[in-house]
Amino acid sequence: MMTEIEVKRARLATLERELCWLGSRHDLAMSAFKFDEARDLQQQIAKLERERAELAKTLPAVAPPPTAAPVPVMIRRWRPRRR
């Protein structure tokens, strides 16, 4: 069974996908000069963005990934050239 946080994170991921898809449709509508359709899509986008913002406020912050340790670099010793 999923916890409440997992359900909210799943909903947030769904909202992100929907916003991406609606943004693409909005761009296509604008490039095809379908301004009425683009306006309707923009209203849907605004509604979903508000829902996403409210949902993001209720979720705890995700811990940043650990920083990678620096990788040692092999340095070649300088040798004088043979003639």
N, C-alpha and C. Protein backbone atom coordinates (compact mmCIF):
# COMPACT_ATOMS: atom_id res chain seq x y z
N MET A 1 0.84 -1.18 0.00
CA MET A 1 0.00 0.00 0.00
C MET A 1 0.89 1.24 0.00
N MET A 2 0.48 2.22 -0.78
CA MET A 2 1.27 3.45 -0.91
C MET A 2 0.97 4.39 0.24
N THR A 3 2.00 5.05 0.71
CA THR A 3 1.80 6.05 1.76
C THR A 3 1.25 7.33 1.13
N GLU A 4 0.84 8.23 1.99
CA GLU A 4 0.27 9.50 1.50
C GLU A 4 1.30 10.29 0.69
N ILE A 5 2.54 10.28 1.14
CA ILE A 5 3.59 11.02 0.43
C ILE A 5 3.83 10.42 -0.95
N GLU A 6 3.82 9.08 -1.03
CA GLU A 6 4.03 8.43 -2.33
C GLU A 6 2.89 8.77 -3.29
N VAL A 7 1.67 8.82 -2.77
CA VAL A 7 0.52 9.18 -3.60
C VAL A 7 0.68 10.61 -4.12
N LYS A 8 1.11 11.51 -3.24
CA LYS A 8 1.29 12.91 -3.65
C LYS A 8 2.42 13.05 -4.67
N ARG A 9 3.50 12.30 -4.47
CA ARG A 9 4.62 12.35 -5.43
C ARG A 9 4.19 11.78 -6.79
N ALA A 10 3.36 10.74 -6.78
CA ALA A 10 2.85 10.18 -8.03
C ALA A 10 1.96 11.20 -8.74
N ARG A 11 1.12 11.88 -7.98
CA ARG A 11 0.25 12.91 -8.57
C ARG A 11 1.09 14.06 -9.12
N LEU A 12 2.14 14.43 -8.42
CA LEU A 12 3.03 15.49 -8.89
C LEU A 12 3.70 15.08 -10.21
N ALA A 13 4.13 13.84 -10.31
CA ALA A 13 4.74 13.35 -11.55
C ALA A 13 3.72 13.36 -12.69
N THR A 14 2.48 12.99 -12.39
CA THR A 14 1.43 13.02 -13.40
C THR A 14 1.17 14.45 -13.86
N LEU A 15 1.14 15.38 -12.92
CA LEU A 15 0.95 16.79 -13.28
C LEU A 15 2.08 17.30 -14.17
N GLU A 16 3.31 16.91 -13.86
CA GLU A 16 4.46 17.33 -14.67
C GLU A 16 4.31 16.83 -16.11
N ARG A 17 3.90 15.56 -16.27
CA ARG A 17 3.71 15.01 -17.62
C ARG A 17 2.60 15.75 -18.37
N GLU A 18 1.48 16.00 -17.68
CA GLU A 18 0.37 16.70 -18.31
C GLU A 18 0.78 18.12 -18.73
N LEU A 19 1.53 18.80 -17.86
CA LEU A 19 1.97 20.15 -18.19
C LEU A 19 2.91 20.15 -19.39
N CYS A 20 3.77 19.17 -19.46
CA CYS A 20 4.68 19.07 -20.60
C CYS A 20 3.89 18.85 -21.89
N TRP A 21 2.92 17.96 -21.83
CA TRP A 21 2.11 17.66 -23.01
C TRP A 21 1.27 18.87 -23.42
N LEU A 22 0.65 19.54 -22.45
CA LEU A 22 -0.15 20.73 -22.76
C LEU A 22 0.72 21.86 -23.29
N GLY A 23 1.94 21.99 -22.77
CA GLY A 23 2.85 23.01 -23.28
C GLY A 23 3.20 22.78 -24.74
N SER A 24 3.40 21.52 -25.10
CA SER A 24 3.69 21.20 -26.50
C SER A 24 2.49 21.50 -27.39
N ARG A 25 1.30 21.13 -26.91
CA ARG A 25 0.09 21.42 -27.69
C ARG A 25 -0.12 22.93 -27.83
N HIS A 26 0.19 23.68 -26.78
CA HIS A 26 0.05 25.14 -26.82
C HIS A 26 0.99 25.72 -27.86
N ASP A 27 2.23 25.25 -27.87
CA ASP A 27 3.20 25.74 -28.86
C ASP A 27 2.75 25.44 -30.28
N LEU A 28 2.22 24.24 -30.50
CA LEU A 28 1.73 23.88 -31.83
C LEU A 28 0.54 24.74 -32.24
N ALA A 29 -0.36 24.99 -31.30
CA ALA A 29 -1.52 25.82 -31.60
C ALA A 29 -1.09 27.25 -31.94
N MET A 30 -0.12 27.77 -31.20
CA MET A 30 0.36 29.13 -31.48
C MET A 30 1.03 29.20 -32.84
N SER A 31 1.81 28.18 -33.18
CA SER A 31 2.51 28.21 -34.47
C SER A 31 1.55 28.02 -35.63
N ALA A 32 0.38 27.42 -35.36
CA ALA A 32 -0.62 27.24 -36.41
C ALA A 32 -1.65 28.38 -36.41
N PHE A 33 -1.39 29.41 -35.61
CA PHE A 33 -2.27 30.59 -35.51
C PHE A 33 -3.67 30.21 -35.03
N LYS A 34 -3.76 29.21 -34.17
CA LYS A 34 -5.04 28.82 -33.56
C LYS A 34 -5.08 29.42 -32.16
N PHE A 35 -5.33 30.71 -32.11
CA PHE A 35 -5.21 31.44 -30.86
C PHE A 35 -6.29 31.09 -29.84
N ASP A 36 -7.50 30.76 -30.31
CA ASP A 36 -8.56 30.37 -29.38
C ASP A 36 -8.20 29.07 -28.66
N GLU A 37 -7.70 28.10 -29.43
CA GLU A 37 -7.27 26.84 -28.84
C GLU A 37 -6.10 27.06 -27.89
N ALA A 38 -5.17 27.92 -28.28
CA ALA A 38 -4.00 28.21 -27.45
C ALA A 38 -4.43 28.87 -26.14
N ARG A 39 -5.41 29.76 -26.20
CA ARG A 39 -5.90 30.42 -24.99
C ARG A 39 -6.54 29.40 -24.04
N ASP A 40 -7.34 28.48 -24.59
CA ASP A 40 -7.94 27.44 -23.75
C ASP A 40 -6.87 26.56 -23.11
N LEU A 41 -5.86 26.21 -23.89
CA LEU A 41 -4.77 25.40 -23.35
C LEU A 41 -4.01 26.15 -22.27
N GLN A 42 -3.82 27.46 -22.47
CA GLN A 42 -3.11 28.26 -21.47
C GLN A 42 -3.88 28.30 -20.15
N GLN A 43 -5.21 28.35 -20.23
CA GLN A 43 -6.02 28.33 -19.01
C GLN A 43 -5.89 26.99 -18.29
N GLN A 44 -5.85 25.89 -19.05
CA GLN A 44 -5.66 24.57 -18.44
C GLN A 44 -4.28 24.48 -17.80
N ILE A 45 -3.28 25.03 -18.48
CA ILE A 45 -1.92 25.01 -17.96
C ILE A 45 -1.85 25.79 -16.65
N ALA A 46 -2.48 26.95 -16.60
CA ALA A 46 -2.46 27.77 -15.39
C ALA A 46 -3.12 27.03 -14.22
N LYS A 47 -4.23 26.35 -14.50
CA LYS A 47 -4.92 25.59 -13.45
C LYS A 47 -4.04 24.47 -12.92
N LEU A 48 -3.38 23.74 -13.81
CA LEU A 48 -2.52 22.64 -13.38
C LEU A 48 -1.27 23.15 -12.66
N GLU A 49 -0.75 24.30 -13.08
CA GLU A 49 0.42 24.87 -12.39
C GLU A 49 0.07 25.29 -10.96
N ARG A 50 -1.13 25.82 -10.77
CA ARG A 50 -1.57 26.17 -9.41
C ARG A 50 -1.68 24.91 -8.55
N GLU A 51 -2.27 23.85 -9.12
CA GLU A 51 -2.38 22.59 -8.39
C GLU A 51 -1.01 22.02 -8.06
N ARG A 52 -0.08 22.12 -9.02
CA ARG A 52 1.28 21.62 -8.80
C ARG A 52 1.96 22.40 -7.67
N ALA A 53 1.79 23.72 -7.66
CA ALA A 53 2.42 24.55 -6.63
C ALA A 53 1.86 24.21 -5.25
N GLU A 54 0.54 24.03 -5.15
CA GLU A 54 -0.07 23.68 -3.87
C GLU A 54 0.41 22.30 -3.40
N LEU A 55 0.51 21.37 -4.33
CA LEU A 55 0.96 20.02 -3.98
C LEU A 55 2.42 20.02 -3.56
N ALA A 56 3.24 20.81 -4.25
CA ALA A 56 4.67 20.87 -3.93
C ALA A 56 4.89 21.48 -2.54
N LYS A 57 4.02 22.39 -2.11
CA LYS A 57 4.16 22.99 -0.77
C LYS A 57 3.94 21.96 0.32
N THR A 58 3.07 20.99 0.07
CA THR A 58 2.73 20.00 1.11
C THR A 58 3.77 18.89 1.21
N LEU A 59 4.58 18.71 0.19
CA LEU A 59 5.58 17.64 0.20
C LEU A 59 6.88 18.09 0.85
N PRO A 60 7.56 17.19 1.56
CA PRO A 60 8.87 17.55 2.09
C PRO A 60 9.88 17.67 0.95
N ALA A 61 10.89 18.47 1.18
CA ALA A 61 11.90 18.68 0.15
C ALA A 61 12.68 17.38 -0.07
N VAL A 62 13.04 17.16 -1.32
CA VAL A 62 13.82 15.98 -1.67
C VAL A 62 15.27 16.26 -1.34
N ALA A 63 15.92 15.30 -0.72
CA ALA A 63 17.33 15.46 -0.37
C ALA A 63 18.17 15.53 -1.64
N PRO A 64 19.12 16.46 -1.71
CA PRO A 64 19.95 16.55 -2.91
C PRO A 64 20.85 15.32 -3.00
N PRO A 65 21.22 14.92 -4.21
CA PRO A 65 22.09 13.76 -4.35
C PRO A 65 23.46 14.05 -3.75
N PRO A 66 24.12 13.03 -3.23
CA PRO A 66 25.44 13.26 -2.63
C PRO A 66 26.43 13.71 -3.70
N THR A 67 27.31 14.59 -3.28
CA THR A 67 28.30 15.07 -4.23
C THR A 67 29.34 14.00 -4.46
N ALA A 68 29.82 13.94 -5.66
CA ALA A 68 30.82 12.94 -6.01
C ALA A 68 32.19 13.40 -5.52
N ALA A 69 32.95 12.46 -5.06
CA ALA A 69 34.31 12.78 -4.61
C ALA A 69 35.18 13.06 -5.84
N PRO A 70 36.15 13.94 -5.70
CA PRO A 70 37.01 14.22 -6.85
C PRO A 70 37.80 12.97 -7.25
N VAL A 71 37.94 12.81 -8.53
CA VAL A 71 38.66 11.65 -9.06
C VAL A 71 40.14 12.00 -9.14
N PRO A 72 41.01 11.16 -8.59
CA PRO A 72 42.44 11.46 -8.68
C PRO A 72 42.92 11.37 -10.13
N VAL A 73 43.82 12.24 -10.47
CA VAL A 73 44.35 12.30 -11.83
C VAL A 73 45.79 11.84 -11.80
N MET A 74 46.11 10.96 -12.71
CA MET A 74 47.49 10.48 -12.81
C MET A 74 48.31 11.54 -13.54
N ILE A 75 49.42 11.91 -12.96
CA ILE A 75 50.29 12.91 -13.57
C ILE A 75 51.55 12.21 -14.03
N ARG A 76 51.86 12.41 -15.30
CA ARG A 76 53.08 11.80 -15.83
C ARG A 76 54.28 12.62 -15.38
N ARG A 77 55.28 11.91 -14.98
CA ARG A 77 56.50 12.60 -14.58
C ARG A 77 57.20 13.12 -15.82
N TRP A 78 57.78 14.27 -15.66
CA TRP A 78 58.49 14.88 -16.78
C TRP A 78 59.85 14.22 -16.91
N ARG A 79 60.15 13.81 -18.12
CA ARG A 79 61.46 13.21 -18.39
C ARG A 79 62.11 14.00 -19.51
N PRO A 80 63.38 14.24 -19.37
CA PRO A 80 64.05 14.95 -20.47
C PRO A 80 64.08 14.08 -21.72
N ARG A 81 63.94 14.72 -22.84
CA ARG A 81 63.96 13.98 -24.11
C ARG A 81 65.35 13.48 -24.42
N ARG A 82 65.37 12.32 -24.99
CA ARG A 82 66.66 11.79 -25.44
C ARG A 82 66.91 12.27 -26.85
N ARG A 83 68.15 12.56 -27.12
CA ARG A 83 68.48 13.07 -28.46
C ARG A 83 69.12 12.05 -29.30
